[in-house]
Amino acid sequence: MKSIAILLLAIPAFLRAQAPPDYSGTWKLDPLRSRLEKTQVPKSLVLQIDQHDTDVRVKLTSMTNKGENTEVYQSGGPGQGPSVSWDDGHLVLVSQHNSPDGLVSVTRRLKRGDKGKMMTSVLSIKDKSGESTEYEFFIRE
């Protein structure tokens, strides 16, 4: 009985110690599956993810009517600029920028699909008018 109790106590520690899912690769936005209501659907949106265990670098490139924009997210960075972190197996991208209407915070909470070919993103945008939530779907190239 004592060994069963020890085993049950060890399971949560074992689950936390497992490596996070591998997000590495190039992921392209599928605009037909995505549900973007307030955000203008970009001409293209590509995430290039380079992951080594829990160390992650993400290059997000978007093309809109206003031109191309690139943001680079880095885990373990100095705390300024776009960042990437882990939360329960999800990859979380956070950035902030100033707009004519004030500070805008953008958070993407990424979850890779079971077969590794699709990834979903819960996109949260917070500005002076409040917070909105949208959903992006990416396909691995």
Protein backbone atom coordinates (compact mmCIF):
# COMPACT_ATOMS: atom_id res chain seq x y z
CA MET A 1 0.00 0.00 0.00
CA LYS A 2 2.85 2.36 0.86
CA SER A 3 4.48 1.82 -2.57
CA ILE A 4 1.19 2.65 -4.33
CA ALA A 5 0.99 5.95 -2.43
CA ILE A 6 4.57 6.79 -3.42
CA LEU A 7 3.80 5.96 -7.05
CA LEU A 8 0.69 8.17 -7.04
CA LEU A 9 2.72 11.05 -5.60
CA ALA A 10 5.41 10.60 -8.26
CA ILE A 11 3.06 10.73 -11.27
CA PRO A 12 2.47 14.53 -11.23
CA ALA A 13 6.24 15.17 -11.01
CA PHE A 14 6.83 12.79 -13.92
CA LEU A 15 4.19 14.52 -16.06
CA ARG A 16 5.71 17.96 -15.39
CA ALA A 17 9.18 16.65 -16.29
CA GLN A 18 8.13 15.51 -19.78
CA ALA A 19 9.42 17.54 -22.67
CA PRO A 20 6.93 19.99 -24.21
CA PRO A 21 5.41 19.14 -27.60
CA ASP A 22 7.59 20.04 -30.58
CA TYR A 23 6.27 23.11 -32.39
CA SER A 24 9.28 23.46 -34.70
CA GLY A 25 8.59 24.23 -38.32
CA THR A 26 6.87 26.70 -40.59
CA TRP A 27 3.18 27.28 -39.91
CA LYS A 28 0.94 29.16 -42.33
CA LEU A 29 -2.41 30.74 -41.40
CA ASP A 30 -5.47 29.04 -42.88
CA PRO A 31 -7.78 32.06 -43.35
CA LEU A 32 -10.81 29.92 -44.25
CA ARG A 33 -10.77 28.05 -40.92
CA SER A 34 -9.74 31.05 -38.82
CA ARG A 35 -12.39 33.14 -37.09
CA LEU A 36 -11.15 36.70 -37.23
CA GLU A 37 -14.00 39.11 -36.65
CA LYS A 38 -12.38 42.35 -35.49
CA THR A 39 -8.92 41.78 -36.90
CA GLN A 40 -8.41 42.28 -40.62
CA VAL A 41 -7.48 38.95 -42.21
CA PRO A 42 -3.90 39.36 -43.45
CA LYS A 43 -2.84 38.43 -46.98
CA SER A 44 -0.50 35.97 -45.27
CA LEU A 45 0.65 35.15 -41.75
CA VAL A 46 3.56 32.76 -41.20
CA LEU A 47 5.09 31.51 -37.96
CA GLN A 48 8.61 30.08 -38.19
CA ILE A 49 9.30 28.23 -34.95
CA ASP A 50 12.74 27.00 -33.91
CA GLN A 51 12.50 24.93 -30.72
CA HIS A 52 15.16 23.13 -28.71
CA ASP A 53 13.47 21.54 -25.67
CA THR A 54 11.94 24.52 -23.85
CA ASP A 55 14.09 27.16 -25.60
CA VAL A 56 12.01 28.69 -28.40
CA ARG A 57 12.46 31.38 -31.05
CA VAL A 58 9.48 32.44 -33.17
CA LYS A 59 9.54 34.67 -36.23
CA LEU A 60 6.05 35.96 -37.09
CA THR A 61 5.74 37.52 -40.54
CA SER A 62 2.49 39.09 -41.69
CA MET A 63 1.58 40.67 -45.00
CA THR A 64 -1.30 43.16 -45.03
CA ASN A 65 -2.46 46.00 -47.30
CA LYS A 66 -0.04 48.20 -45.31
CA GLY A 67 2.97 46.01 -46.14
CA GLU A 68 5.05 43.34 -44.44
CA ASN A 69 5.68 43.22 -40.69
CA THR A 70 8.01 40.87 -38.81
CA GLU A 71 8.20 40.25 -35.06
CA VAL A 72 10.71 37.97 -33.35
CA TYR A 73 9.73 36.29 -30.07
CA GLN A 74 12.41 34.77 -27.84
CA SER A 75 12.12 32.67 -24.70
CA GLY A 76 14.30 33.63 -21.75
CA GLY A 77 14.92 37.08 -23.19
CA PRO A 78 15.73 40.23 -21.24
CA GLY A 79 12.03 40.93 -20.58
CA GLN A 80 11.59 43.63 -23.20
CA GLY A 81 9.94 43.18 -26.56
CA PRO A 82 7.97 40.18 -27.80
CA SER A 83 8.31 37.10 -25.62
CA VAL A 84 7.46 33.41 -25.76
CA SER A 85 6.75 31.17 -22.78
CA TRP A 86 5.21 27.81 -21.88
CA ASP A 87 1.90 27.27 -20.11
CA ASP A 88 0.67 23.70 -19.66
CA GLY A 89 1.99 22.48 -23.03
CA HIS A 90 0.80 25.61 -24.83
CA LEU A 91 3.22 28.01 -26.45
CA VAL A 92 2.30 31.60 -25.49
CA LEU A 93 3.42 34.58 -27.58
CA VAL A 94 3.04 38.05 -26.04
CA SER A 95 3.74 41.43 -27.60
CA GLN A 96 2.82 45.05 -26.95
CA HIS A 97 2.94 48.05 -29.21
CA ASN A 98 1.83 51.64 -29.19
CA SER A 99 -0.86 52.71 -31.61
CA PRO A 100 -2.44 56.12 -32.18
CA ASP A 101 -5.16 54.95 -29.74
CA GLY A 102 -2.72 53.85 -27.02
CA LEU A 103 -1.08 50.62 -25.89
CA VAL A 104 -2.19 47.37 -27.55
CA SER A 105 -1.37 43.96 -25.98
CA VAL A 106 -1.52 40.87 -28.20
CA THR A 107 -1.39 37.32 -26.82
CA ARG A 108 -1.44 34.13 -28.88
CA ARG A 109 -1.94 30.86 -26.99
CA LEU A 110 -0.83 28.11 -29.39
CA LYS A 111 -1.77 24.44 -29.19
CA ARG A 112 -0.47 21.86 -31.62
CA GLY A 113 -2.94 19.30 -32.94
CA ASP A 114 -2.59 15.60 -32.14
CA LYS A 115 -1.18 14.69 -35.55
CA GLY A 116 1.21 17.65 -35.67
CA LYS A 117 -0.13 19.07 -38.95
CA MET A 118 -2.43 21.72 -37.49
CA MET A 119 -2.07 24.29 -34.75
CA THR A 120 -4.73 26.49 -33.16
CA SER A 121 -4.22 29.91 -31.67
CA VAL A 122 -6.47 31.75 -29.25
CA LEU A 123 -5.72 35.36 -30.15
CA SER A 124 -6.43 37.94 -27.42
CA ILE A 125 -6.15 41.62 -28.20
CA LYS A 126 -6.40 44.14 -25.39
CA ASP A 127 -6.59 47.88 -25.96
CA LYS A 128 -8.32 50.91 -24.46
CA SER A 129 -11.70 49.74 -25.79
CA GLY A 130 -11.46 46.36 -24.02
CA GLU A 131 -10.42 42.83 -24.89
CA SER A 132 -11.42 40.69 -27.87
CA THR A 133 -10.79 37.02 -28.55
CA GLU A 134 -10.38 35.47 -31.98
CA TYR A 135 -9.24 32.10 -33.29
CA GLU A 136 -6.49 31.37 -35.79
CA PHE A 137 -5.77 28.01 -37.43
CA PHE A 138 -2.34 27.23 -38.84
CA ILE A 139 -1.18 24.39 -41.08
CA ARG A 140 2.39 23.07 -40.99
CA GLU A 141 4.15 23.46 -44.32
